[in-house]
């Protein structure tokens, strides 16, 4: 019987999560950040806009570049995060 390396277990786990439609927690958190920050940038309350300008703008741009987000809706965020996860799992 061949020995299973820890790396193989990680790859198998990611593949299994992908097949069952379960994102790893770091992807889930990034997806939630994308959705939250996209709502904050368009908020009508000025206090939210100030906090977004101070804290959220750079984080939102960083996440958009990591996941190659091309749209500003939740559907684009979900598709982009799943694309990156698919590339990682396979």
C-alpha atoms as a PDB file:
ATOM      1  CA  UNK A   1       0.000   0.000   0.000  1.00  0.00           C
ATOM      2  CA  UNK A   2       1.398   3.397  -0.995  1.00  0.00           C
ATOM      3  CA  UNK A   3       1.904   6.080   1.584  1.00  0.00           C
ATOM      4  CA  UNK A   4      -0.361   9.119   1.290  1.00  0.00           C
ATOM      5  CA  UNK A   5       1.491  12.404   1.560  1.00  0.00           C
ATOM      6  CA  UNK A   6      -0.122  15.346   3.381  1.00  0.00           C
ATOM      7  CA  UNK A   7      -0.102  17.311   0.109  1.00  0.00           C
ATOM      8  CA  UNK A   8      -2.223  14.620  -1.568  1.00  0.00           C
ATOM      9  CA  UNK A   9      -4.779  14.840   1.237  1.00  0.00           C
ATOM     10  CA  UNK A  10      -5.067  18.600   0.742  1.00  0.00           C
ATOM     11  CA  UNK A  11      -5.555  18.260  -2.997  1.00  0.00           C
ATOM     12  CA  UNK A  12      -8.145  15.526  -2.512  1.00  0.00           C
ATOM     13  CA  UNK A  13      -9.966  17.635   0.059  1.00  0.00           C
ATOM     14  CA  UNK A  14     -10.156  20.635  -2.288  1.00  0.00           C
ATOM     15  CA  UNK A  15     -11.361  18.410  -5.124  1.00  0.00           C
ATOM     16  CA  UNK A  16     -14.014  16.864  -2.870  1.00  0.00           C
ATOM     17  CA  UNK A  17     -15.161  20.262  -1.635  1.00  0.00           C
ATOM     18  CA  UNK A  18     -15.457  21.482  -5.212  1.00  0.00           C
ATOM     19  CA  UNK A  19     -17.464  18.435  -6.281  1.00  0.00           C
ATOM     20  CA  UNK A  20     -19.866  18.858  -3.343  1.00  0.00           C
ATOM     21  CA  UNK A  21     -20.208  22.600  -3.967  1.00  0.00           C
ATOM     22  CA  UNK A  22     -18.591  23.702  -0.709  1.00  0.00           C
ATOM     23  CA  UNK A  23     -16.187  26.638  -0.720  1.00  0.00           C
ATOM     24  CA  UNK A  24     -13.297  26.658   1.756  1.00  0.00           C
ATOM     25  CA  UNK A  25     -13.758  29.188   4.547  1.00  0.00           C
ATOM     26  CA  UNK A  26     -11.182  31.649   3.193  1.00  0.00           C
ATOM     27  CA  UNK A  27     -13.068  31.822  -0.118  1.00  0.00           C
ATOM     28  CA  UNK A  28     -16.382  32.254   1.709  1.00  0.00           C
ATOM     29  CA  UNK A  29     -14.989  35.138   3.755  1.00  0.00           C
ATOM     30  CA  UNK A  30     -13.561  36.838   0.668  1.00  0.00           C
ATOM     31  CA  UNK A  31     -16.895  36.450  -1.126  1.00  0.00           C
ATOM     32  CA  UNK A  32     -18.730  38.019   1.803  1.00  0.00           C
ATOM     33  CA  UNK A  33     -16.223  40.879   1.912  1.00  0.00           C
ATOM     34  CA  UNK A  34     -16.718  41.519  -1.797  1.00  0.00           C
ATOM     35  CA  UNK A  35     -20.503  41.636  -1.419  1.00  0.00           C
ATOM     36  CA  UNK A  36     -20.376  43.824   1.690  1.00  0.00           C
ATOM     37  CA  UNK A  37     -17.858  46.298   0.313  1.00  0.00           C
ATOM     38  CA  UNK A  38     -19.687  46.612  -2.994  1.00  0.00           C
ATOM     39  CA  UNK A  39     -22.807  47.638  -1.059  1.00  0.00           C
ATOM     40  CA  UNK A  40     -20.835  50.121   1.054  1.00  0.00           C
ATOM     41  CA  UNK A  41     -19.384  51.992  -1.901  1.00  0.00           C
ATOM     42  CA  UNK A  42     -22.867  52.806  -3.209  1.00  0.00           C
ATOM     43  CA  UNK A  43     -24.450  53.594   0.158  1.00  0.00           C
ATOM     44  CA  UNK A  44     -26.495  56.787   0.480  1.00  0.00           C
ATOM     45  CA  UNK A  45     -25.427  57.537   4.071  1.00  0.00           C
ATOM     46  CA  UNK A  46     -22.338  59.734   4.067  1.00  0.00           C
ATOM     47  CA  UNK A  47     -20.768  58.054   7.117  1.00  0.00           C
ATOM     48  CA  UNK A  48     -20.690  54.748   5.239  1.00  0.00           C
ATOM     49  CA  UNK A  49     -19.022  56.433   2.287  1.00  0.00           C
ATOM     50  CA  UNK A  50     -16.346  57.937   4.524  1.00  0.00           C
ATOM     51  CA  UNK A  51     -15.557  54.593   6.139  1.00  0.00           C
ATOM     52  CA  UNK A  52     -15.513  52.912   2.747  1.00  0.00           C
ATOM     53  CA  UNK A  53     -13.065  55.515   1.431  1.00  0.00           C
ATOM     54  CA  UNK A  54     -10.791  55.080   4.451  1.00  0.00           C
ATOM     55  CA  UNK A  55     -10.905  51.313   4.959  1.00  0.00           C
ATOM     56  CA  UNK A  56     -12.789  49.548   2.207  1.00  0.00           C
ATOM     57  CA  UNK A  57     -11.570  50.922  -1.096  1.00  0.00           C
ATOM     58  CA  UNK A  58      -8.123  49.324  -1.035  1.00  0.00           C
ATOM     59  CA  UNK A  59      -9.468  45.995   0.285  1.00  0.00           C
ATOM     60  CA  UNK A  60     -12.178  45.901  -2.373  1.00  0.00           C
ATOM     61  CA  UNK A  61      -9.657  46.596  -5.136  1.00  0.00           C
ATOM     62  CA  UNK A  62      -7.303  43.935  -3.758  1.00  0.00           C
ATOM     63  CA  UNK A  63     -10.061  41.322  -3.733  1.00  0.00           C
ATOM     64  CA  UNK A  64     -11.177  42.319  -7.223  1.00  0.00           C
ATOM     65  CA  UNK A  65      -7.656  41.818  -8.530  1.00  0.00           C
ATOM     66  CA  UNK A  66      -7.200  38.479  -6.733  1.00  0.00           C
ATOM     67  CA  UNK A  67     -10.431  37.064  -8.150  1.00  0.00           C
ATOM     68  CA  UNK A  68     -10.400  38.968 -11.475  1.00  0.00           C
ATOM     69  CA  UNK A  69     -13.846  40.389 -10.832  1.00  0.00           C
ATOM     70  CA  UNK A  70     -15.270  41.949 -13.976  1.00  0.00           C
ATOM     71  CA  UNK A  71     -18.682  43.066 -12.689  1.00  0.00           C
ATOM     72  CA  UNK A  72     -20.274  44.704  -9.708  1.00  0.00           C
ATOM     73  CA  UNK A  73     -23.014  42.249  -8.797  1.00  0.00           C
ATOM     74  CA  UNK A  74     -23.213  39.331  -6.423  1.00  0.00           C
ATOM     75  CA  UNK A  75     -23.481  36.901  -9.349  1.00  0.00           C
ATOM     76  CA  UNK A  76     -20.162  38.120 -10.801  1.00  0.00           C
ATOM     77  CA  UNK A  77     -18.511  37.847  -7.391  1.00  0.00           C
ATOM     78  CA  UNK A  78     -19.738  34.282  -6.912  1.00  0.00           C
ATOM     79  CA  UNK A  79     -18.681  33.214 -10.409  1.00  0.00           C
ATOM     80  CA  UNK A  80     -15.232  34.784 -10.035  1.00  0.00           C
ATOM     81  CA  UNK A  81     -14.558  33.180  -6.647  1.00  0.00           C
ATOM     82  CA  UNK A  82     -15.688  29.763  -7.924  1.00  0.00           C
ATOM     83  CA  UNK A  83     -13.452  30.131 -11.000  1.00  0.00           C
ATOM     84  CA  UNK A  84     -10.400  30.703  -8.821  1.00  0.00           C
ATOM     85  CA  UNK A  85     -11.357  27.812  -6.540  1.00  0.00           C
ATOM     86  CA  UNK A  86     -11.895  25.507  -9.539  1.00  0.00           C
ATOM     87  CA  UNK A  87      -8.417  26.359 -10.827  1.00  0.00           C
ATOM     88  CA  UNK A  88      -6.984  25.585  -7.392  1.00  0.00           C
ATOM     89  CA  UNK A  89      -8.888  22.301  -7.002  1.00  0.00           C
ATOM     90  CA  UNK A  90      -7.930  20.949 -10.425  1.00  0.00           C
END
